[in-house]
């Protein structure tokens, strides 16, 4: 009995890039109307470097990985550190000016 390779328990992330034919739009301009891109099977994505087309179930998984990564980046950008230095007094209201407005000392 031969040993078989064990399937991995984790999906690896495949680097994707936009299709070079349709530029990631999934359609190409025909003579009278738009046609589904034949090089990427209408997905707009191919494997980076090799230009191979993924199956639809693998493509869904890989696009989910990309979406999760983008959402993590967006949430990291939303949490901005508090400003320090002279610009901080211009960004926040201290209500020390006339009528409770921001006083900066200028």
PDB file of N, CA and C in Angstrom:
ATOM      1  N   UNK A   1       0.829  -1.177   0.000  1.00  0.00           N
ATOM      2  CA  UNK A   1       0.000   0.000   0.000  1.00  0.00           C
ATOM      3  C   UNK A   1       0.884   1.255   0.000  1.00  0.00           C
ATOM      4  N   UNK A   2       0.615   2.149  -0.924  1.00  0.00           N
ATOM      5  CA  UNK A   2       1.412   3.356  -1.028  1.00  0.00           C
ATOM      6  C   UNK A   2       0.821   4.455  -0.157  1.00  0.00           C
ATOM      7  N   UNK A   3       1.717   5.340   0.268  1.00  0.00           N
ATOM      8  CA  UNK A   3       1.260   6.492   1.048  1.00  0.00           C
ATOM      9  C   UNK A   3       0.689   7.535   0.096  1.00  0.00           C
ATOM     10  N   UNK A   4      -0.384   8.135   0.495  1.00  0.00           N
ATOM     11  CA  UNK A   4      -1.005   9.203  -0.294  1.00  0.00           C
ATOM     12  C   UNK A   4      -0.766  10.538   0.398  1.00  0.00           C
ATOM     13  N   UNK A   5      -0.614  11.577  -0.379  1.00  0.00           N
ATOM     14  CA  UNK A   5      -0.442  12.881   0.262  1.00  0.00           C
ATOM     15  C   UNK A   5      -1.729  13.281   0.986  1.00  0.00           C
ATOM     16  N   UNK A   6      -1.558  13.812   2.163  1.00  0.00           N
ATOM     17  CA  UNK A   6      -2.702  14.220   2.976  1.00  0.00           C
ATOM     18  C   UNK A   6      -3.210  15.564   2.456  1.00  0.00           C
ATOM     19  N   UNK A   7      -4.504  15.679   2.232  1.00  0.00           N
ATOM     20  CA  UNK A   7      -5.012  16.985   1.804  1.00  0.00           C
ATOM     21  C   UNK A   7      -4.860  17.996   2.934  1.00  0.00           C
ATOM     22  N   UNK A   8      -4.529  19.198   2.588  1.00  0.00           N
ATOM     23  CA  UNK A   8      -4.325  20.211   3.618  1.00  0.00           C
ATOM     24  C   UNK A   8      -5.665  20.611   4.224  1.00  0.00           C
ATOM     25  N   UNK A   9      -5.618  20.943   5.482  1.00  0.00           N
ATOM     26  CA  UNK A   9      -6.820  21.342   6.192  1.00  0.00           C
ATOM     27  C   UNK A   9      -7.111  22.821   6.021  1.00  0.00           C
ATOM     28  N   UNK A  10      -6.187  23.531   5.450  1.00  0.00           N
ATOM     29  CA  UNK A  10      -6.336  24.965   5.249  1.00  0.00           C
ATOM     30  C   UNK A  10      -6.255  25.278   3.765  1.00  0.00           C
ATOM     31  N   UNK A  11      -7.104  26.166   3.318  1.00  0.00           N
ATOM     32  CA  UNK A  11      -7.029  26.614   1.919  1.00  0.00           C
ATOM     33  C   UNK A  11      -5.921  27.638   1.794  1.00  0.00           C
ATOM     34  N   UNK A  12      -5.090  27.476   0.791  1.00  0.00           N
ATOM     35  CA  UNK A  12      -4.051  28.476   0.570  1.00  0.00           C
ATOM     36  C   UNK A  12      -4.594  29.577  -0.322  1.00  0.00           C
ATOM     37  N   UNK A  13      -4.097  30.778  -0.077  1.00  0.00           N
ATOM     38  CA  UNK A  13      -4.546  31.911  -0.859  1.00  0.00           C
ATOM     39  C   UNK A  13      -3.726  32.003  -2.132  1.00  0.00           C
ATOM     40  N   UNK A  14      -4.426  32.091  -3.247  1.00  0.00           N
ATOM     41  CA  UNK A  14      -3.791  32.207  -4.560  1.00  0.00           C
ATOM     42  C   UNK A  14      -3.829  33.671  -4.962  1.00  0.00           C
ATOM     43  N   UNK A  15      -2.688  34.184  -5.402  1.00  0.00           N
ATOM     44  CA  UNK A  15      -2.640  35.579  -5.837  1.00  0.00           C
ATOM     45  C   UNK A  15      -3.368  35.711  -7.171  1.00  0.00           C
ATOM     46  N   UNK A  16      -4.280  36.659  -7.240  1.00  0.00           N
ATOM     47  CA  UNK A  16      -5.066  36.899  -8.448  1.00  0.00           C
ATOM     48  C   UNK A  16      -4.703  38.239  -9.052  1.00  0.00           C
ATOM     49  N   UNK A  17      -4.946  38.360 -10.336  1.00  0.00           N
ATOM     50  CA  UNK A  17      -4.775  39.638 -11.021  1.00  0.00           C
ATOM     51  C   UNK A  17      -5.905  39.790 -12.033  1.00  0.00           C
ATOM     52  N   UNK A  18      -6.112  41.015 -12.488  1.00  0.00           N
ATOM     53  CA  UNK A  18      -7.149  41.258 -13.484  1.00  0.00           C
ATOM     54  C   UNK A  18      -6.770  40.605 -14.808  1.00  0.00           C
ATOM     55  N   UNK A  19      -7.768  40.136 -15.510  1.00  0.00           N
ATOM     56  CA  UNK A  19      -7.554  39.556 -16.824  1.00  0.00           C
ATOM     57  C   UNK A  19      -6.993  40.637 -17.760  1.00  0.00           C
ATOM     58  N   UNK A  20      -5.983  40.289 -18.525  1.00  0.00           N
ATOM     59  CA  UNK A  20      -5.351  41.279 -19.407  1.00  0.00           C
ATOM     60  C   UNK A  20      -6.211  41.581 -20.638  1.00  0.00           C
ATOM     61  N   UNK A  21      -7.122  40.698 -20.997  1.00  0.00           N
ATOM     62  CA  UNK A  21      -7.958  40.916 -22.179  1.00  0.00           C
ATOM     63  C   UNK A  21      -9.106  41.871 -21.855  1.00  0.00           C
ATOM     64  N   UNK A  22      -9.854  41.571 -20.786  1.00  0.00           N
ATOM     65  CA  UNK A  22     -11.026  42.397 -20.460  1.00  0.00           C
ATOM     66  C   UNK A  22     -10.715  43.451 -19.403  1.00  0.00           C
ATOM     67  N   UNK A  23      -9.494  43.503 -18.888  1.00  0.00           N
ATOM     68  CA  UNK A  23      -9.062  44.465 -17.874  1.00  0.00           C
ATOM     69  C   UNK A  23      -9.888  44.358 -16.592  1.00  0.00           C
ATOM     70  N   UNK A  24     -10.343  43.143 -16.262  1.00  0.00           N
ATOM     71  CA  UNK A  24     -11.084  42.911 -15.031  1.00  0.00           C
ATOM     72  C   UNK A  24     -12.561  43.217 -15.110  1.00  0.00           C
ATOM     73  N   UNK A  25     -13.070  43.541 -16.283  1.00  0.00           N
ATOM     74  CA  UNK A  25     -14.484  43.897 -16.425  1.00  0.00           C
ATOM     75  C   UNK A  25     -15.371  42.701 -16.752  1.00  0.00           C
ATOM     76  N   UNK A  26     -14.805  41.555 -17.061  1.00  0.00           N
ATOM     77  CA  UNK A  26     -15.507  40.303 -17.350  1.00  0.00           C
ATOM     78  C   UNK A  26     -16.208  40.291 -18.704  1.00  0.00           C
ATOM     79  N   UNK A  27     -16.233  41.392 -19.404  1.00  0.00           N
ATOM     80  CA  UNK A  27     -16.840  41.438 -20.734  1.00  0.00           C
ATOM     81  C   UNK A  27     -15.896  42.162 -21.685  1.00  0.00           C
ATOM     82  N   UNK A  28     -15.991  41.797 -22.964  1.00  0.00           N
ATOM     83  CA  UNK A  28     -15.232  42.486 -24.006  1.00  0.00           C
ATOM     84  C   UNK A  28     -16.226  43.085 -24.995  1.00  0.00           C
ATOM     85  N   UNK A  29     -15.823  44.143 -25.628  1.00  0.00           N
ATOM     86  CA  UNK A  29     -16.716  44.818 -26.554  1.00  0.00           C
ATOM     87  C   UNK A  29     -16.729  44.083 -27.882  1.00  0.00           C
ATOM     88  N   UNK A  30     -17.914  43.644 -28.256  1.00  0.00           N
ATOM     89  CA  UNK A  30     -18.089  43.007 -29.551  1.00  0.00           C
ATOM     90  C   UNK A  30     -18.418  44.062 -30.594  1.00  0.00           C
ATOM     91  N   UNK A  31     -18.860  43.643 -31.717  1.00  0.00           N
ATOM     92  CA  UNK A  31     -19.204  44.575 -32.782  1.00  0.00           C
ATOM     93  C   UNK A  31     -20.440  45.395 -32.421  1.00  0.00           C
ATOM     94  N   UNK A  32     -21.469  44.731 -31.903  1.00  0.00           N
ATOM     95  CA  UNK A  32     -22.700  45.434 -31.573  1.00  0.00           C
ATOM     96  C   UNK A  32     -23.018  45.429 -30.090  1.00  0.00           C
ATOM     97  N   UNK A  33     -22.501  44.474 -29.345  1.00  0.00           N
ATOM     98  CA  UNK A  33     -22.822  44.370 -27.920  1.00  0.00           C
ATOM     99  C   UNK A  33     -21.646  43.732 -27.189  1.00  0.00           C
ATOM    100  N   UNK A  34     -21.718  43.735 -25.859  1.00  0.00           N
ATOM    101  CA  UNK A  34     -20.640  43.174 -25.060  1.00  0.00           C
ATOM    102  C   UNK A  34     -20.754  41.657 -24.982  1.00  0.00           C
ATOM    103  N   UNK A  35     -19.602  40.989 -25.048  1.00  0.00           N
ATOM    104  CA  UNK A  35     -19.531  39.533 -24.967  1.00  0.00           C
ATOM    105  C   UNK A  35     -18.801  39.134 -23.698  1.00  0.00           C
ATOM    106  N   UNK A  36     -19.124  37.971 -23.158  1.00  0.00           N
ATOM    107  CA  UNK A  36     -18.416  37.441 -22.001  1.00  0.00           C
ATOM    108  C   UNK A  36     -16.983  37.127 -22.410  1.00  0.00           C
ATOM    109  N   UNK A  37     -16.031  37.534 -21.592  1.00  0.00           N
ATOM    110  CA  UNK A  37     -14.611  37.304 -21.891  1.00  0.00           C
ATOM    111  C   UNK A  37     -14.321  35.806 -21.863  1.00  0.00           C
ATOM    112  N   UNK A  38     -13.754  35.283 -22.925  1.00  0.00           N
ATOM    113  CA  UNK A  38     -13.463  33.853 -23.017  1.00  0.00           C
ATOM    114  C   UNK A  38     -12.170  33.489 -22.289  1.00  0.00           C
ATOM    115  N   UNK A  39     -11.273  34.447 -22.089  1.00  0.00           N
ATOM    116  CA  UNK A  39      -9.994  34.141 -21.446  1.00  0.00           C
ATOM    117  C   UNK A  39     -10.115  33.940 -19.938  1.00  0.00           C
ATOM    118  N   UNK A  40     -11.084  34.595 -19.298  1.00  0.00           N
ATOM    119  CA  UNK A  40     -11.256  34.455 -17.842  1.00  0.00           C
ATOM    120  C   UNK A  40     -12.616  33.850 -17.484  1.00  0.00           C
ATOM    121  N   UNK A  41     -13.333  33.349 -18.463  1.00  0.00           N
ATOM    122  CA  UNK A  41     -14.672  32.780 -18.281  1.00  0.00           C
ATOM    123  C   UNK A  41     -15.652  33.759 -17.633  1.00  0.00           C
ATOM    124  N   UNK A  42     -15.487  35.015 -17.928  1.00  0.00           N
ATOM    125  CA  UNK A  42     -16.425  36.020 -17.448  1.00  0.00           C
ATOM    126  C   UNK A  42     -16.261  36.389 -15.999  1.00  0.00           C
ATOM    127  N   UNK A  43     -15.116  36.121 -15.393  1.00  0.00           N
ATOM    128  CA  UNK A  43     -14.916  36.491 -13.991  1.00  0.00           C
ATOM    129  C   UNK A  43     -14.095  37.769 -13.849  1.00  0.00           C
ATOM    130  N   UNK A  44     -13.210  38.034 -14.787  1.00  0.00           N
ATOM    131  CA  UNK A  44     -12.357  39.213 -14.694  1.00  0.00           C
ATOM    132  C   UNK A  44     -11.070  38.946 -13.931  1.00  0.00           C
ATOM    133  N   UNK A  45     -10.901  37.739 -13.381  1.00  0.00           N
ATOM    134  CA  UNK A  45      -9.731  37.399 -12.572  1.00  0.00           C
ATOM    135  C   UNK A  45      -9.033  36.162 -13.137  1.00  0.00           C
ATOM    136  N   UNK A  46      -7.702  36.169 -13.088  1.00  0.00           N
ATOM    137  CA  UNK A  46      -6.883  35.020 -13.458  1.00  0.00           C
ATOM    138  C   UNK A  46      -5.785  34.867 -12.410  1.00  0.00           C
ATOM    139  N   UNK A  47      -5.121  33.710 -12.400  1.00  0.00           N
ATOM    140  CA  UNK A  47      -4.032  33.465 -11.455  1.00  0.00           C
ATOM    141  C   UNK A  47      -2.853  34.349 -11.845  1.00  0.00           C
ATOM    142  N   UNK A  48      -2.261  35.002 -10.846  1.00  0.00           N
ATOM    143  CA  UNK A  48      -1.157  35.925 -11.084  1.00  0.00           C
ATOM    144  C   UNK A  48       0.029  35.182 -11.675  1.00  0.00           C
ATOM    145  N   UNK A  49       0.576  35.727 -12.728  1.00  0.00           N
ATOM    146  CA  UNK A  49       1.766  35.172 -13.363  1.00  0.00           C
ATOM    147  C   UNK A  49       1.481  34.132 -14.421  1.00  0.00           C
ATOM    148  N   UNK A  50       0.684  33.121 -14.095  1.00  0.00           N
ATOM    149  CA  UNK A  50       0.457  32.037 -15.045  1.00  0.00           C
ATOM    150  C   UNK A  50      -0.751  32.277 -15.946  1.00  0.00           C
ATOM    151  N   UNK A  51      -1.616  33.211 -15.585  1.00  0.00           N
ATOM    152  CA  UNK A  51      -2.823  33.553 -16.358  1.00  0.00           C
ATOM    153  C   UNK A  51      -3.804  32.388 -16.478  1.00  0.00           C
ATOM    154  N   UNK A  52      -3.750  31.432 -15.539  1.00  0.00           N
ATOM    155  CA  UNK A  52      -4.686  30.317 -15.545  1.00  0.00           C
ATOM    156  C   UNK A  52      -6.045  30.755 -15.008  1.00  0.00           C
ATOM    157  N   UNK A  53      -7.095  30.114 -15.473  1.00  0.00           N
ATOM    158  CA  UNK A  53      -8.451  30.423 -15.035  1.00  0.00           C
ATOM    159  C   UNK A  53      -8.822  29.462 -13.913  1.00  0.00           C
ATOM    160  N   UNK A  54      -9.404  30.002 -12.835  1.00  0.00           N
ATOM    161  CA  UNK A  54      -9.834  29.166 -11.716  1.00  0.00           C
ATOM    162  C   UNK A  54     -11.244  28.644 -11.953  1.00  0.00           C
ATOM    163  N   UNK A  55     -11.555  27.516 -11.337  1.00  0.00           N
ATOM    164  CA  UNK A  55     -12.926  27.016 -11.389  1.00  0.00           C
ATOM    165  C   UNK A  55     -13.812  27.954 -10.567  1.00  0.00           C
ATOM    166  N   UNK A  56     -15.103  27.901 -10.805  1.00  0.00           N
ATOM    167  CA  UNK A  56     -15.999  28.860 -10.155  1.00  0.00           C
ATOM    168  C   UNK A  56     -16.017  28.692  -8.638  1.00  0.00           C
ATOM    169  N   UNK A  57     -15.962  27.461  -8.116  1.00  0.00           N
ATOM    170  CA  UNK A  57     -15.974  27.294  -6.664  1.00  0.00           C
ATOM    171  C   UNK A  57     -14.673  27.766  -6.027  1.00  0.00           C
ATOM    172  N   UNK A  58     -13.537  27.539  -6.688  1.00  0.00           N
ATOM    173  CA  UNK A  58     -12.258  28.034  -6.175  1.00  0.00           C
ATOM    174  C   UNK A  58     -12.181  29.550  -6.285  1.00  0.00           C
ATOM    175  N   UNK A  59     -12.754  30.113  -7.346  1.00  0.00           N
ATOM    176  CA  UNK A  59     -12.754  31.561  -7.525  1.00  0.00           C
ATOM    177  C   UNK A  59     -13.560  32.249  -6.421  1.00  0.00           C
ATOM    178  N   UNK A  60     -14.687  31.665  -6.046  1.00  0.00           N
ATOM    179  CA  UNK A  60     -15.499  32.237  -4.968  1.00  0.00           C
ATOM    180  C   UNK A  60     -14.699  32.267  -3.668  1.00  0.00           C
ATOM    181  N   UNK A  61     -13.989  31.190  -3.372  1.00  0.00           N
ATOM    182  CA  UNK A  61     -13.177  31.133  -2.150  1.00  0.00           C
ATOM    183  C   UNK A  61     -12.066  32.172  -2.185  1.00  0.00           C
ATOM    184  N   UNK A  62     -11.373  32.279  -3.301  1.00  0.00           N
ATOM    185  CA  UNK A  62     -10.263  33.230  -3.401  1.00  0.00           C
ATOM    186  C   UNK A  62     -10.749  34.674  -3.337  1.00  0.00           C
ATOM    187  N   UNK A  63     -11.893  34.970  -3.956  1.00  0.00           N
ATOM    188  CA  UNK A  63     -12.435  36.325  -3.876  1.00  0.00           C
ATOM    189  C   UNK A  63     -12.906  36.644  -2.465  1.00  0.00           C
ATOM    190  N   UNK A  64     -13.383  35.650  -1.733  1.00  0.00           N
ATOM    191  CA  UNK A  64     -13.741  35.859  -0.337  1.00  0.00           C
ATOM    192  C   UNK A  64     -12.504  36.205   0.487  1.00  0.00           C
ATOM    193  N   UNK A  65     -11.379  35.536   0.220  1.00  0.00           N
ATOM    194  CA  UNK A  65     -10.130  35.874   0.902  1.00  0.00           C
ATOM    195  C   UNK A  65      -9.735  37.321   0.625  1.00  0.00           C
ATOM    196  N   UNK A  66      -9.858  37.742  -0.648  1.00  0.00           N
ATOM    197  CA  UNK A  66      -9.510  39.121  -1.007  1.00  0.00           C
ATOM    198  C   UNK A  66     -10.435  40.126  -0.327  1.00  0.00           C
ATOM    199  N   UNK A  67     -11.725  39.810  -0.248  1.00  0.00           N
ATOM    200  CA  UNK A  67     -12.687  40.692   0.404  1.00  0.00           C
ATOM    201  C   UNK A  67     -12.396  40.812   1.895  1.00  0.00           C
ATOM    202  N   UNK A  68     -12.088  39.710   2.545  1.00  0.00           N
ATOM    203  CA  UNK A  68     -11.771  39.747   3.972  1.00  0.00           C
ATOM    204  C   UNK A  68     -10.522  40.583   4.229  1.00  0.00           C
ATOM    205  N   UNK A  69      -9.517  40.452   3.364  1.00  0.00           N
ATOM    206  CA  UNK A  69      -8.293  41.240   3.501  1.00  0.00           C
ATOM    207  C   UNK A  69      -8.588  42.732   3.326  1.00  0.00           C
ATOM    208  N   UNK A  70      -9.407  43.068   2.342  1.00  0.00           N
ATOM    209  CA  UNK A  70      -9.756  44.470   2.102  1.00  0.00           C
ATOM    210  C   UNK A  70     -10.556  45.040   3.270  1.00  0.00           C
ATOM    211  N   UNK A  71     -11.458  44.253   3.855  1.00  0.00           N
ATOM    212  CA  UNK A  71     -12.232  44.728   4.999  1.00  0.00           C
ATOM    213  C   UNK A  71     -11.339  44.946   6.208  1.00  0.00           C
ATOM    214  N   UNK A  72     -10.332  44.102   6.405  1.00  0.00           N
ATOM    215  CA  UNK A  72      -9.386  44.314   7.508  1.00  0.00           C
ATOM    216  C   UNK A  72      -8.595  45.599   7.302  1.00  0.00           C
ATOM    217  N   UNK A  73      -8.186  45.873   6.055  1.00  0.00           N
ATOM    218  CA  UNK A  73      -7.451  47.108   5.773  1.00  0.00           C
ATOM    219  C   UNK A  73      -8.323  48.334   6.016  1.00  0.00           C
ATOM    220  N   UNK A  74      -9.590  48.269   5.608  1.00  0.00           N
ATOM    221  CA  UNK A  74     -10.500  49.396   5.802  1.00  0.00           C
ATOM    222  C   UNK A  74     -10.728  49.651   7.281  1.00  0.00           C
ATOM    223  N   UNK A  75     -10.938  48.599   8.052  1.00  0.00           N
ATOM    224  CA  UNK A  75     -11.167  48.794   9.480  1.00  0.00           C
ATOM    225  C   UNK A  75      -9.915  49.320  10.176  1.00  0.00           C
ATOM    226  N   UNK A  76      -8.730  48.931   9.701  1.00  0.00           N
ATOM    227  CA  UNK A  76      -7.495  49.456  10.279  1.00  0.00           C
ATOM    228  C   UNK A  76      -7.324  50.934   9.950  1.00  0.00           C
ATOM    229  N   UNK A  77      -7.764  51.365   8.780  1.00  0.00           N
ATOM    230  CA  UNK A  77      -7.653  52.770   8.411  1.00  0.00           C
ATOM    231  C   UNK A  77      -8.668  53.635   9.141  1.00  0.00           C
ATOM    232  N   UNK A  78      -9.822  53.053   9.489  1.00  0.00           N
ATOM    233  CA  UNK A  78     -10.841  53.821  10.204  1.00  0.00           C
ATOM    234  C   UNK A  78     -10.407  54.151  11.619  1.00  0.00           C
ATOM    235  N   UNK A  79      -9.645  53.284  12.229  1.00  0.00           N
ATOM    236  CA  UNK A  79      -9.152  53.519  13.581  1.00  0.00           C
ATOM    237  C   UNK A  79      -7.851  54.297  13.451  1.00  0.00           C
ATOM    238  N   UNK A  80      -7.963  55.609  13.457  1.00  0.00           N
ATOM    239  CA  UNK A  80      -6.771  56.432  13.295  1.00  0.00           C
ATOM    240  C   UNK A  80      -6.256  56.843  14.671  1.00  0.00           C
ATOM    241  N   UNK A  81      -4.950  56.870  14.840  1.00  0.00           N
ATOM    242  CA  UNK A  81      -4.390  57.256  16.130  1.00  0.00           C
ATOM    243  C   UNK A  81      -4.653  58.739  16.412  1.00  0.00           C
ATOM    244  N   UNK A  82      -4.749  59.121  17.673  1.00  0.00           N
ATOM    245  CA  UNK A  82      -4.971  60.537  17.983  1.00  0.00           C
ATOM    246  C   UNK A  82      -3.780  61.373  17.525  1.00  0.00           C
ATOM    247  N   UNK A  83      -4.077  62.576  17.055  1.00  0.00           N
ATOM    248  CA  UNK A  83      -3.019  63.444  16.559  1.00  0.00           C
ATOM    249  C   UNK A  83      -2.230  64.022  17.720  1.00  0.00           C
ATOM    250  N   UNK A  84      -0.958  64.232  17.479  1.00  0.00           N
ATOM    251  CA  UNK A  84      -0.098  64.847  18.471  1.00  0.00           C
ATOM    252  C   UNK A  84       0.566  66.050  17.822  1.00  0.00           C
ATOM    253  N   UNK A  85       0.979  66.976  18.634  1.00  0.00           N
ATOM    254  CA  UNK A  85       1.676  68.131  18.126  1.00  0.00           C
ATOM    255  C   UNK A  85       0.750  69.317  17.913  1.00  0.00           C
ATOM    256  N   UNK A  86       1.236  70.334  17.230  1.00  0.00           N
ATOM    257  CA  UNK A  86       0.467  71.573  17.065  1.00  0.00           C
ATOM    258  C   UNK A  86      -0.840  71.404  16.279  1.00  0.00           C
ATOM    259  N   UNK A  87      -0.899  70.452  15.357  1.00  0.00           N
ATOM    260  CA  UNK A  87      -2.109  70.301  14.557  1.00  0.00           C
ATOM    261  C   UNK A  87      -3.275  69.758  15.372  1.00  0.00           C
ATOM    262  N   UNK A  88      -3.014  69.154  16.515  1.00  0.00           N
ATOM    263  CA  UNK A  88      -4.099  68.559  17.299  1.00  0.00           C
ATOM    264  C   UNK A  88      -5.062  69.617  17.831  1.00  0.00           C
ATOM    265  N   UNK A  89      -4.559  70.821  18.162  1.00  0.00           N
ATOM    266  CA  UNK A  89      -5.462  71.853  18.686  1.00  0.00           C
ATOM    267  C   UNK A  89      -6.360  72.445  17.606  1.00  0.00           C
ATOM    268  N   UNK A  90      -6.000  72.278  16.345  1.00  0.00           N
ATOM    269  CA  UNK A  90      -6.845  72.754  15.265  1.00  0.00           C
ATOM    270  C   UNK A  90      -7.935  71.743  14.916  1.00  0.00           C
ATOM    271  N   UNK A  91      -7.690  70.471  15.178  1.00  0.00           N
ATOM    272  CA  UNK A  91      -8.632  69.423  14.808  1.00  0.00           C
ATOM    273  C   UNK A  91      -9.766  69.250  15.812  1.00  0.00           C
ATOM    274  N   UNK A  92      -9.521  69.538  17.091  1.00  0.00           N
ATOM    275  CA  UNK A  92     -10.537  69.324  18.113  1.00  0.00           C
ATOM    276  C   UNK A  92     -10.968  70.656  18.699  1.00  0.00           C
ATOM    277  N   UNK A  93     -12.244  70.751  18.999  1.00  0.00           N
ATOM    278  CA  UNK A  93     -12.773  71.979  19.569  1.00  0.00           C
ATOM    279  C   UNK A  93     -12.492  72.021  21.067  1.00  0.00           C
ATOM    280  N   UNK A  94     -11.949  73.159  21.548  1.00  0.00           N
ATOM    281  CA  UNK A  94     -11.693  73.295  22.976  1.00  0.00           C
ATOM    282  C   UNK A  94     -12.691  74.248  23.643  1.00  0.00           C
ATOM    283  N   UNK A  95     -13.563  74.882  22.864  1.00  0.00           N
ATOM    284  CA  UNK A  95     -14.645  75.753  23.341  1.00  0.00           C
ATOM    285  C   UNK A  95     -14.145  76.872  24.252  1.00  0.00           C
ATOM    286  N   UNK A  96     -12.934  77.382  24.016  1.00  0.00           N
ATOM    287  CA  UNK A  96     -12.389  78.466  24.830  1.00  0.00           C
ATOM    288  C   UNK A  96     -12.520  79.820  24.153  1.00  0.00           C
ATOM    289  N   UNK A  97     -12.988  79.873  22.936  1.00  0.00           N
ATOM    290  CA  UNK A  97     -13.110  81.119  22.207  1.00  0.00           C
ATOM    291  C   UNK A  97     -14.438  81.804  22.485  1.00  0.00           C
ATOM    292  N   UNK A  98     -14.650  82.955  21.835  1.00  0.00           N
ATOM    293  CA  UNK A  98     -15.873  83.734  22.015  1.00  0.00           C
ATOM    294  C   UNK A  98     -17.078  82.909  21.566  1.00  0.00           C
ATOM    295  N   UNK A  99     -18.083  82.791  22.418  1.00  0.00           N
ATOM    296  CA  UNK A  99     -19.292  82.046  22.082  1.00  0.00           C
ATOM    297  C   UNK A  99     -19.080  80.532  22.061  1.00  0.00           C
ATOM    298  N   UNK A 100     -18.054  80.063  22.733  1.00  0.00           N
ATOM    299  CA  UNK A 100     -17.801  78.620  22.784  1.00  0.00           C
ATOM    300  C   UNK A 100     -17.149  78.067  21.534  1.00  0.00           C
ATOM    301  N   UNK A 101     -16.546  78.925  20.729  1.00  0.00           N
ATOM    302  CA  UNK A 101     -15.863  78.437  19.529  1.00  0.00           C
ATOM    303  C   UNK A 101     -14.466  77.971  19.859  1.00  0.00           C
ATOM    304  N   UNK A 102     -13.787  77.412  18.873  1.00  0.00           N
ATOM    305  CA  UNK A 102     -12.460  76.884  19.065  1.00  0.00           C
ATOM    306  C   UNK A 102     -11.455  78.027  19.155  1.00  0.00           C
ATOM    307  N   UNK A 103     -10.642  78.057  20.222  1.00  0.00           N
ATOM    308  CA  UNK A 103      -9.599  79.066  20.388  1.00  0.00           C
ATOM    309  C   UNK A 103      -8.265  78.401  20.143  1.00  0.00           C
ATOM    310  N   UNK A 104      -7.506  78.930  19.185  1.00  0.00           N
ATOM    311  CA  UNK A 104      -6.202  78.342  18.858  1.00  0.00           C
ATOM    312  C   UNK A 104      -5.040  79.215  19.283  1.00  0.00           C
ATOM    313  N   UNK A 105      -5.290  80.422  19.705  1.00  0.00           N
ATOM    314  CA  UNK A 105      -4.223  81.297  20.151  1.00  0.00           C
ATOM    315  C   UNK A 105      -3.575  82.079  19.050  1.00  0.00           C
ATOM    316  N   UNK A 106      -4.123  82.057  17.853  1.00  0.00           N
ATOM    317  CA  UNK A 106      -3.525  82.801  16.720  1.00  0.00           C
ATOM    318  C   UNK A 106      -3.830  84.276  16.831  1.00  0.00           C
TER     319      UNK A 106
END
